[in-house]
Amino acid sequence: RCFHWRQQNTSDVRHMARTMAGKSVGLVL
């Protein structure tokens, strides 16, 4: 997988923390 951590982007930090904790949310259409 590839993640992106942009400077001063708090949503990226939350995204990675959720992934780390097994609390991420996926969407399939």
PDB file of all heavy atoms in Angstrom:
ATOM      1  N   ARG A   1       0.848  -1.194   0.000  1.00  0.00           N
ATOM      2  CA  ARG A   1       0.000   0.000   0.000  1.00  0.00           C
ATOM      3  C   ARG A   1       0.881   1.240   0.000  1.00  0.00           C
ATOM      4  O   ARG A   1       2.065   1.177   0.330  1.00  0.00           O
ATOM      5  CB  ARG A   1      -0.906   0.019   1.237  1.00  0.00           C
ATOM      6  CG  ARG A   1      -1.758  -1.218   1.416  1.00  0.00           C
ATOM      7  CD  ARG A   1      -2.633  -1.166   2.663  1.00  0.00           C
ATOM      8  NE  ARG A   1      -1.865  -1.105   3.901  1.00  0.00           N
ATOM      9  CZ  ARG A   1      -2.367  -1.268   5.115  1.00  0.00           C
ATOM     10  NH1 ARG A   1      -3.665  -1.514   5.253  1.00  0.00           N
ATOM     11  NH2 ARG A   1      -1.617  -1.203   6.187  1.00  0.00           N
ATOM     12  N   CYS A   2       0.259   2.362  -0.363  1.00  0.00           N
ATOM     13  CA  CYS A   2       0.972   3.639  -0.342  1.00  0.00           C
ATOM     14  C   CYS A   2       0.093   4.679   0.350  1.00  0.00           C
ATOM     15  O   CYS A   2      -1.071   4.866  -0.014  1.00  0.00           O
ATOM     16  CB  CYS A   2       1.305   4.104  -1.759  1.00  0.00           C
ATOM     17  SG  CYS A   2       2.232   5.661  -1.827  1.00  0.00           S
ATOM     18  N   PHE A   3       0.649   5.316   1.377  1.00  0.00           N
ATOM     19  CA  PHE A   3      -0.032   6.402   2.077  1.00  0.00           C
ATOM     20  C   PHE A   3       0.676   7.722   1.786  1.00  0.00           C
ATOM     21  O   PHE A   3       1.857   7.735   1.409  1.00  0.00           O
ATOM     22  CB  PHE A   3      -0.041   6.147   3.583  1.00  0.00           C
ATOM     23  CG  PHE A   3      -0.680   4.855   3.985  1.00  0.00           C
ATOM     24  CD1 PHE A   3       0.078   3.806   4.506  1.00  0.00           C
ATOM     25  CD2 PHE A   3      -2.042   4.662   3.851  1.00  0.00           C
ATOM     26  CE1 PHE A   3      -0.502   2.610   4.883  1.00  0.00           C
ATOM     27  CE2 PHE A   3      -2.641   3.465   4.221  1.00  0.00           C
ATOM     28  CZ  PHE A   3      -1.868   2.442   4.734  1.00  0.00           C
ATOM     29  N   HIS A   4      -0.043   8.820   1.989  1.00  0.00           N
ATOM     30  CA  HIS A   4       0.525  10.148   1.781  1.00  0.00           C
ATOM     31  C   HIS A   4       0.340  10.976   3.050  1.00  0.00           C
ATOM     32  O   HIS A   4      -0.761  11.067   3.590  1.00  0.00           O
ATOM     33  CB  HIS A   4      -0.141  10.835   0.579  1.00  0.00           C
ATOM     34  CG  HIS A   4       0.162  10.163  -0.723  1.00  0.00           C
ATOM     35  ND1 HIS A   4       1.249  10.495  -1.496  1.00  0.00           N
ATOM     36  CD2 HIS A   4      -0.474   9.147  -1.369  1.00  0.00           C
ATOM     37  CE1 HIS A   4       1.267   9.719  -2.578  1.00  0.00           C
ATOM     38  NE2 HIS A   4       0.230   8.897  -2.519  1.00  0.00           N
ATOM     39  N   TRP A   5       1.444  11.557   3.505  1.00  0.00           N
ATOM     40  CA  TRP A   5       1.454  12.362   4.730  1.00  0.00           C
ATOM     41  C   TRP A   5       1.897  13.760   4.343  1.00  0.00           C
ATOM     42  O   TRP A   5       3.072  14.029   4.166  1.00  0.00           O
ATOM     43  CB  TRP A   5       2.415  11.745   5.754  1.00  0.00           C
ATOM     44  CG  TRP A   5       2.198  12.239   7.150  1.00  0.00           C
ATOM     45  CD1 TRP A   5       1.678  13.436   7.535  1.00  0.00           C
ATOM     46  CD2 TRP A   5       2.513  11.543   8.364  1.00  0.00           C
ATOM     47  NE1 TRP A   5       1.639  13.539   8.898  1.00  0.00           N
ATOM     48  CE2 TRP A   5       2.145  12.387   9.428  1.00  0.00           C
ATOM     49  CE3 TRP A   5       3.073  10.293   8.638  1.00  0.00           C
ATOM     50  CZ2 TRP A   5       2.339  12.025  10.772  1.00  0.00           C
ATOM     51  CZ3 TRP A   5       3.252   9.936   9.965  1.00  0.00           C
ATOM     52  CH2 TRP A   5       2.897  10.780  11.014  1.00  0.00           C
ATOM     53  N   ARG A   6       0.898  14.639   4.181  1.00  0.00           N
ATOM     54  CA  ARG A   6       1.171  16.003   3.740  1.00  0.00           C
ATOM     55  C   ARG A   6       1.370  16.921   4.942  1.00  0.00           C
ATOM     56  O   ARG A   6       0.702  16.768   5.962  1.00  0.00           O
ATOM     57  CB  ARG A   6       0.020  16.504   2.858  1.00  0.00           C
ATOM     58  CG  ARG A   6      -0.099  15.760   1.538  1.00  0.00           C
ATOM     59  CD  ARG A   6      -1.460  15.946   0.895  1.00  0.00           C
ATOM     60  NE  ARG A   6      -2.522  15.289   1.665  1.00  0.00           N
ATOM     61  CZ  ARG A   6      -3.793  15.254   1.308  1.00  0.00           C
ATOM     62  NH1 ARG A   6      -4.168  15.840   0.186  1.00  0.00           N
ATOM     63  NH2 ARG A   6      -4.691  14.647   2.058  1.00  0.00           N
ATOM     64  N   GLN A   7       2.279  17.854   4.780  1.00  0.00           N
ATOM     65  CA  GLN A   7       2.617  18.764   5.871  1.00  0.00           C
ATOM     66  C   GLN A   7       1.381  19.524   6.346  1.00  0.00           C
ATOM     67  O   GLN A   7       0.588  20.016   5.554  1.00  0.00           O
ATOM     68  CB  GLN A   7       3.689  19.754   5.401  1.00  0.00           C
ATOM     69  CG  GLN A   7       4.280  20.614   6.502  1.00  0.00           C
ATOM     70  CD  GLN A   7       5.376  21.515   5.975  1.00  0.00           C
ATOM     71  OE1 GLN A   7       5.358  21.907   4.826  1.00  0.00           O
ATOM     72  NE2 GLN A   7       6.335  21.838   6.827  1.00  0.00           N
ATOM     73  N   GLN A   8       1.212  19.577   7.659  1.00  0.00           N
ATOM     74  CA  GLN A   8       0.126  20.308   8.309  1.00  0.00           C
ATOM     75  C   GLN A   8      -1.258  19.777   7.925  1.00  0.00           C
ATOM     76  O   GLN A   8      -2.254  20.494   8.057  1.00  0.00           O
ATOM     77  CB  GLN A   8       0.199  21.815   7.960  1.00  0.00           C
ATOM     78  CG  GLN A   8       1.521  22.469   8.244  1.00  0.00           C
ATOM     79  CD  GLN A   8       1.914  22.346   9.722  1.00  0.00           C
ATOM     80  OE1 GLN A   8       1.073  22.453  10.594  1.00  0.00           O
ATOM     81  NE2 GLN A   8       3.203  22.140   9.964  1.00  0.00           N
ATOM     82  N   ASN A   9      -1.347  18.550   7.448  1.00  0.00           N
ATOM     83  CA  ASN A   9      -2.646  17.985   7.073  1.00  0.00           C
ATOM     84  C   ASN A   9      -3.103  17.025   8.163  1.00  0.00           C
ATOM     85  O   ASN A   9      -2.657  15.883   8.232  1.00  0.00           O
ATOM     86  CB  ASN A   9      -2.537  17.260   5.720  1.00  0.00           C
ATOM     87  CG  ASN A   9      -3.907  16.902   5.140  1.00  0.00           C
ATOM     88  OD1 ASN A   9      -4.718  16.292   5.803  1.00  0.00           O
ATOM     89  ND2 ASN A   9      -4.147  17.316   3.910  1.00  0.00           N
ATOM     90  N   THR A  10      -3.986  17.497   9.011  1.00  0.00           N
ATOM     91  CA  THR A  10      -4.422  16.678  10.150  1.00  0.00           C
ATOM     92  C   THR A  10      -5.265  15.482   9.719  1.00  0.00           C
ATOM     93  O   THR A  10      -5.297  14.465  10.412  1.00  0.00           O
ATOM     94  CB  THR A  10      -5.217  17.534  11.152  1.00  0.00           C
ATOM     95  OG1 THR A  10      -6.331  18.146  10.477  1.00  0.00           O
ATOM     96  CG2 THR A  10      -4.329  18.632  11.739  1.00  0.00           C
ATOM     97  N   SER A  11      -5.945  15.604   8.568  1.00  0.00           N
ATOM     98  CA  SER A  11      -6.756  14.474   8.118  1.00  0.00           C
ATOM     99  C   SER A  11      -5.874  13.289   7.741  1.00  0.00           C
ATOM    100  O   SER A  11      -6.268  12.128   7.909  1.00  0.00           O
ATOM    101  CB  SER A  11      -7.643  14.874   6.933  1.00  0.00           C
ATOM    102  OG  SER A  11      -6.861  15.158   5.788  1.00  0.00           O
ATOM    103  N   ASP A  12      -4.656  13.573   7.247  1.00  0.00           N
ATOM    104  CA  ASP A  12      -3.732  12.484   6.920  1.00  0.00           C
ATOM    105  C   ASP A  12      -3.287  11.759   8.184  1.00  0.00           C
ATOM    106  O   ASP A  12      -3.153  10.526   8.193  1.00  0.00           O
ATOM    107  CB  ASP A  12      -2.505  13.029   6.172  1.00  0.00           C
ATOM    108  CG  ASP A  12      -2.822  13.437   4.746  1.00  0.00           C
ATOM    109  OD1 ASP A  12      -3.927  13.120   4.264  1.00  0.00           O
ATOM    110  OD2 ASP A  12      -1.962  14.066   4.106  1.00  0.00           O
ATOM    111  N   VAL A  13      -3.060  12.503   9.250  1.00  0.00           N
ATOM    112  CA  VAL A  13      -2.646  11.888  10.512  1.00  0.00           C
ATOM    113  C   VAL A  13      -3.766  10.995  11.043  1.00  0.00           C
ATOM    114  O   VAL A  13      -3.524   9.855  11.468  1.00  0.00           O
ATOM    115  CB  VAL A  13      -2.272  12.966  11.558  1.00  0.00           C
ATOM    116  CG1 VAL A  13      -1.868  12.310  12.876  1.00  0.00           C
ATOM    117  CG2 VAL A  13      -1.126  13.832  11.045  1.00  0.00           C
ATOM    118  N   ARG A  14      -4.996  11.499  11.008  1.00  0.00           N
ATOM    119  CA  ARG A  14      -6.132  10.689  11.483  1.00  0.00           C
ATOM    120  C   ARG A  14      -6.301   9.443  10.624  1.00  0.00           C
ATOM    121  O   ARG A  14      -6.579   8.350  11.131  1.00  0.00           O
ATOM    122  CB  ARG A  14      -7.420  11.523  11.467  1.00  0.00           C
ATOM    123  CG  ARG A  14      -7.452  12.677  12.471  1.00  0.00           C
ATOM    124  CD  ARG A  14      -8.872  13.203  12.633  1.00  0.00           C
ATOM    125  NE  ARG A  14      -9.440  13.641  11.381  1.00  0.00           N
ATOM    126  CZ  ARG A  14      -9.331  14.881  10.885  1.00  0.00           C
ATOM    127  NH1 ARG A  14      -8.634  15.792  11.565  1.00  0.00           N
ATOM    128  NH2 ARG A  14      -9.889  15.211   9.743  1.00  0.00           N
ATOM    129  N   HIS A  15      -6.130   9.608   9.328  1.00  0.00           N
ATOM    130  CA  HIS A  15      -6.242   8.481   8.398  1.00  0.00           C
ATOM    131  C   HIS A  15      -5.241   7.389   8.739  1.00  0.00           C
ATOM    132  O   HIS A  15      -5.590   6.204   8.819  1.00  0.00           O
ATOM    133  CB  HIS A  15      -6.018   9.008   6.980  1.00  0.00           C
ATOM    134  CG  HIS A  15      -5.646   7.987   5.955  1.00  0.00           C
ATOM    135  ND1 HIS A  15      -6.444   6.915   5.639  1.00  0.00           N
ATOM    136  CD2 HIS A  15      -4.540   7.884   5.163  1.00  0.00           C
ATOM    137  CE1 HIS A  15      -5.857   6.190   4.697  1.00  0.00           C
ATOM    138  NE2 HIS A  15      -4.702   6.748   4.402  1.00  0.00           N
ATOM    139  N   MET A  16      -4.003   7.779   8.988  1.00  0.00           N
ATOM    140  CA  MET A  16      -2.974   6.785   9.287  1.00  0.00           C
ATOM    141  C   MET A  16      -3.181   6.166  10.667  1.00  0.00           C
ATOM    142  O   MET A  16      -2.954   4.969  10.859  1.00  0.00           O
ATOM    143  CB  MET A  16      -1.597   7.427   9.170  1.00  0.00           C
ATOM    144  CG  MET A  16      -1.286   7.893   7.754  1.00  0.00           C
ATOM    145  SD  MET A  16       0.430   8.351   7.559  1.00  0.00           S
ATOM    146  CE  MET A  16       1.209   6.780   7.846  1.00  0.00           C
ATOM    147  N   ALA A  17      -3.633   6.965  11.618  1.00  0.00           N
ATOM    148  CA  ALA A  17      -3.894   6.428  12.960  1.00  0.00           C
ATOM    149  C   ALA A  17      -5.050   5.437  12.929  1.00  0.00           C
ATOM    150  O   ALA A  17      -5.005   4.388  13.584  1.00  0.00           O
ATOM    151  CB  ALA A  17      -4.196   7.570  13.932  1.00  0.00           C
ATOM    152  N   ARG A  18      -6.100   5.747  12.165  1.00  0.00           N
ATOM    153  CA  ARG A  18      -7.220   4.813  12.054  1.00  0.00           C
ATOM    154  C   ARG A  18      -6.763   3.501  11.419  1.00  0.00           C
ATOM    155  O   ARG A  18      -7.160   2.408  11.839  1.00  0.00           O
ATOM    156  CB  ARG A  18      -8.355   5.430  11.221  1.00  0.00           C
ATOM    157  CG  ARG A  18      -9.166   6.488  11.936  1.00  0.00           C
ATOM    158  CD  ARG A  18     -10.449   6.813  11.184  1.00  0.00           C
ATOM    159  NE  ARG A  18     -10.187   7.355   9.850  1.00  0.00           N
ATOM    160  CZ  ARG A  18     -10.057   8.641   9.574  1.00  0.00           C
ATOM    161  NH1 ARG A  18     -10.141   9.539  10.543  1.00  0.00           N
ATOM    162  NH2 ARG A  18      -9.852   9.054   8.337  1.00  0.00           N
ATOM    163  N   THR A  19      -5.925   3.615  10.390  1.00  0.00           N
ATOM    164  CA  THR A  19      -5.407   2.411   9.734  1.00  0.00           C
ATOM    165  C   THR A  19      -4.580   1.591  10.704  1.00  0.00           C
ATOM    166  O   THR A  19      -4.701   0.357  10.777  1.00  0.00           O
ATOM    167  CB  THR A  19      -4.562   2.798   8.510  1.00  0.00           C
ATOM    168  OG1 THR A  19      -5.358   3.570   7.605  1.00  0.00           O
ATOM    169  CG2 THR A  19      -4.037   1.570   7.794  1.00  0.00           C
ATOM    170  N   MET A  20      -3.746   2.263  11.491  1.00  0.00           N
ATOM    171  CA  MET A  20      -2.885   1.589  12.460  1.00  0.00           C
ATOM    172  C   MET A  20      -3.714   0.874  13.529  1.00  0.00           C
ATOM    173  O   MET A  20      -3.380  -0.242  13.951  1.00  0.00           O
ATOM    174  CB  MET A  20      -1.958   2.637  13.095  1.00  0.00           C
ATOM    175  CG  MET A  20      -0.931   2.106  14.054  1.00  0.00           C
ATOM    176  SD  MET A  20       0.181   3.442  14.620  1.00  0.00           S
ATOM    177  CE  MET A  20       1.410   3.450  13.325  1.00  0.00           C
ATOM    178  N   ALA A  21      -4.812   1.471  13.931  1.00  0.00           N
ATOM    179  CA  ALA A  21      -5.634   0.931  15.018  1.00  0.00           C
ATOM    180  C   ALA A  21      -6.704  -0.047  14.534  1.00  0.00           C
ATOM    181  O   ALA A  21      -7.462  -0.573  15.356  1.00  0.00           O
ATOM    182  CB  ALA A  21      -6.303   2.073  15.775  1.00  0.00           C
ATOM    183  N   GLY A  22      -6.772  -0.306  13.228  1.00  0.00           N
ATOM    184  CA  GLY A  22      -7.826  -1.176  12.712  1.00  0.00           C
ATOM    185  C   GLY A  22      -9.187  -0.528  12.730  1.00  0.00           C
ATOM    186  O   GLY A  22     -10.211  -1.208  12.730  1.00  0.00           O
ATOM    187  N   LYS A  23      -9.225   0.815  12.741  1.00  0.00           N
ATOM    188  CA  LYS A  23     -10.478   1.555  12.773  1.00  0.00           C
ATOM    189  C   LYS A  23     -10.727   2.329  11.481  1.00  0.00           C
ATOM    190  O   LYS A  23     -11.544   3.244  11.435  1.00  0.00           O
ATOM    191  CB  LYS A  23     -10.485   2.536  13.955  1.00  0.00           C
ATOM    192  CG  LYS A  23     -10.518   1.859  15.332  1.00  0.00           C
ATOM    193  CD  LYS A  23     -10.477   2.888  16.446  1.00  0.00           C
ATOM    194  CE  LYS A  23     -10.616   2.246  17.818  1.00  0.00           C
ATOM    195  NZ  LYS A  23     -11.984   1.753  18.080  1.00  0.00           N
ATOM    196  N   SER A  24     -10.010   1.958  10.425  1.00  0.00           N
ATOM    197  CA  SER A  24     -10.192   2.619   9.137  1.00  0.00           C
ATOM    198  C   SER A  24     -11.556   2.259   8.552  1.00  0.00           C
ATOM    199  O   SER A  24     -12.182   1.264   8.941  1.00  0.00           O
ATOM    200  CB  SER A  24      -9.069   2.220   8.175  1.00  0.00           C
ATOM    201  OG  SER A  24      -8.911   0.811   8.147  1.00  0.00           O
ATOM    202  N   VAL A  25     -12.017   3.072   7.610  1.00  0.00           N
ATOM    203  CA  VAL A  25     -13.313   2.858   6.971  1.00  0.00           C
ATOM    204  C   VAL A  25     -13.096   2.769   5.465  1.00  0.00           C
ATOM    205  O   VAL A  25     -12.515   3.667   4.856  1.00  0.00           O
ATOM    206  CB  VAL A  25     -14.302   3.999   7.288  1.00  0.00           C
ATOM    207  CG1 VAL A  25     -15.663   3.703   6.648  1.00  0.00           C
ATOM    208  CG2 VAL A  25     -14.452   4.176   8.795  1.00  0.00           C
ATOM    209  N   GLY A  26     -13.548   1.680   4.874  1.00  0.00           N
ATOM    210  CA  GLY A  26     -13.432   1.490   3.434  1.00  0.00           C
ATOM    211  C   GLY A  26     -14.778   1.649   2.749  1.00  0.00           C
ATOM    212  O   GLY A  26     -15.832   1.458   3.360  1.00  0.00           O
ATOM    213  N   LEU A  27     -14.737   2.017   1.476  1.00  0.00           N
ATOM    214  CA  LEU A  27     -15.959   2.196   0.682  1.00  0.00           C
ATOM    215  C   LEU A  27     -15.791   1.468  -0.640  1.00  0.00           C
ATOM    216  O   LEU A  27     -14.808   1.672  -1.348  1.00  0.00           O
ATOM    217  CB  LEU A  27     -16.222   3.678   0.423  1.00  0.00           C
ATOM    218  CG  LEU A  27     -17.425   4.000  -0.471  1.00  0.00           C
ATOM    219  CD1 LEU A  27     -18.738   3.643   0.233  1.00  0.00           C
ATOM    220  CD2 LEU A  27     -17.431   5.470  -0.879  1.00  0.00           C
ATOM    221  N   VAL A  28     -16.746   0.600  -0.972  1.00  0.00           N
ATOM    222  CA  VAL A  28     -16.725  -0.094  -2.255  1.00  0.00           C
ATOM    223  C   VAL A  28     -18.042   0.180  -2.973  1.00  0.00           C
ATOM    224  O   VAL A  28     -19.122   0.151  -2.362  1.00  0.00           O
ATOM    225  CB  VAL A  28     -16.495  -1.615  -2.071  1.00  0.00           C
ATOM    226  CG1 VAL A  28     -17.635  -2.274  -1.319  1.00  0.00           C
ATOM    227  CG2 VAL A  28     -16.255  -2.298  -3.405  1.00  0.00           C
ATOM    228  N   LEU A  29     -17.948   0.483  -4.274  1.00  0.00           N
ATOM    229  CA  LEU A  29     -19.105   0.885  -5.064  1.00  0.00           C
ATOM    230  C   LEU A  29     -19.254  -0.034  -6.273  1.00  0.00           C
ATOM    231  O   LEU A  29     -18.285  -0.282  -7.000  1.00  0.00           O
ATOM    232  CB  LEU A  29     -18.953   2.336  -5.534  1.00  0.00           C
ATOM    233  CG  LEU A  29     -18.679   3.383  -4.442  1.00  0.00           C
ATOM    234  CD1 LEU A  29     -18.462   4.760  -5.057  1.00  0.00           C
ATOM    235  CD2 LEU A  29     -19.832   3.417  -3.439  1.00  0.00           C
TER     236      LEU A  29
END
